[in-house]
Amino acid sequence: AASVFFPSQKPKSELVRTSLRLLTSSAYRLQSECRKALPAEPSPAPDIQLVTQQVIQCAYDIAKAAKQLVTITTKENNN
């Protein structure tokens, strides 16, 4: 499996920054949605169908951002 290394300084490419923001925000949303699926005892039961749809959307956004990053970094490394 190929690994991608991102330096600690801010990425120069706006596309990379955009993809990283999407990846990060989607991961936070995914965590939040998964927490909703396991509520504390006193709270009402969540709408599992809605939570499931949100989890699927978050996972899609994570995959999309990861694909964008791979595409961008592959192009940059080949230039």
Protein backbone atom coordinates (compact mmCIF):
# COMPACT_ATOMS: atom_id res chain seq x y z
CA ALA A 1 0.00 0.00 0.00
CA ALA A 2 1.30 3.41 -0.94
CA SER A 3 1.53 5.96 1.82
CA VAL A 4 1.19 9.69 1.42
CA PHE A 5 3.30 12.02 3.57
CA PHE A 6 2.06 15.51 4.30
CA PRO A 7 4.69 17.92 5.59
CA SER A 8 4.00 19.80 8.82
CA GLN A 9 3.86 23.17 7.07
CA LYS A 10 0.66 24.34 5.43
CA PRO A 11 0.09 22.67 2.04
CA LYS A 12 0.71 25.11 -0.81
CA SER A 13 -2.05 23.76 -3.02
CA GLU A 14 -5.54 25.13 -2.39
CA LEU A 15 -6.92 21.82 -3.69
CA VAL A 16 -4.97 19.93 -1.02
CA ARG A 17 -6.17 22.31 1.70
CA THR A 18 -9.77 21.95 0.51
CA SER A 19 -9.53 18.16 0.47
CA LEU A 20 -7.96 18.09 3.94
CA ARG A 21 -10.73 20.34 5.28
CA LEU A 22 -13.38 18.04 3.78
CA LEU A 23 -11.63 14.99 5.22
CA THR A 24 -11.37 16.52 8.69
CA SER A 25 -14.91 17.91 8.84
CA SER A 26 -16.36 14.64 7.53
CA ALA A 27 -14.46 12.65 10.14
CA TYR A 28 -15.82 14.88 12.92
CA ARG A 29 -19.34 14.55 11.50
CA LEU A 30 -18.95 10.78 11.30
CA GLN A 31 -17.89 10.64 14.95
CA SER A 32 -20.87 12.82 15.94
CA GLU A 33 -23.35 10.71 13.97
CA CYS A 34 -21.99 7.48 15.44
CA ARG A 35 -22.41 8.93 18.94
CA LYS A 36 -26.07 9.65 18.14
CA ALA A 37 -26.54 5.97 17.33
CA LEU A 38 -25.45 5.08 20.87
CA PRO A 39 -27.34 7.58 23.05
CA ALA A 40 -27.15 7.74 26.82
CA GLU A 41 -29.93 5.88 28.59
CA PRO A 42 -32.26 8.80 29.47
CA SER A 43 -32.32 10.32 25.98
CA PRO A 44 -34.91 9.28 23.39
CA ALA A 45 -33.96 6.66 20.82
CA PRO A 46 -32.46 8.18 17.67
CA ASP A 47 -34.00 7.87 14.22
CA ILE A 48 -31.73 5.02 13.13
CA GLN A 49 -32.62 5.40 9.45
CA LEU A 50 -31.62 9.09 9.50
CA VAL A 51 -28.44 8.38 11.47
CA THR A 52 -27.55 5.59 9.04
CA GLN A 53 -28.03 7.93 6.06
CA GLN A 54 -25.82 10.55 7.71
CA VAL A 55 -23.11 7.96 8.47
CA ILE A 56 -23.18 6.79 4.85
CA GLN A 57 -22.90 10.40 3.62
CA CYS A 58 -19.96 11.07 5.97
CA ALA A 59 -18.20 7.91 4.82
CA TYR A 60 -18.77 8.95 1.19
CA ASP A 61 -17.33 12.42 1.87
CA ILE A 62 -14.28 10.87 3.58
CA ALA A 63 -13.69 8.56 0.60
CA LYS A 64 -14.15 11.47 -1.82
CA ALA A 65 -11.64 13.64 0.05
CA ALA A 66 -9.14 10.77 0.26
CA LYS A 67 -9.47 10.14 -3.49
CA GLN A 68 -8.93 13.84 -4.20
CA LEU A 69 -5.78 13.84 -2.06
CA VAL A 70 -4.39 10.74 -3.76
CA THR A 71 -5.12 12.19 -7.21
CA ILE A 72 -3.56 15.57 -6.38
CA THR A 73 -0.45 14.19 -4.69
CA THR A 74 0.08 11.61 -7.46
CA LYS A 75 -0.04 14.36 -10.08
CA GLU A 76 2.30 16.58 -8.03
CA ASN A 77 4.76 13.75 -7.46
CA ASN A 78 4.79 12.87 -11.16
CA ASN A 79 5.63 16.44 -12.22
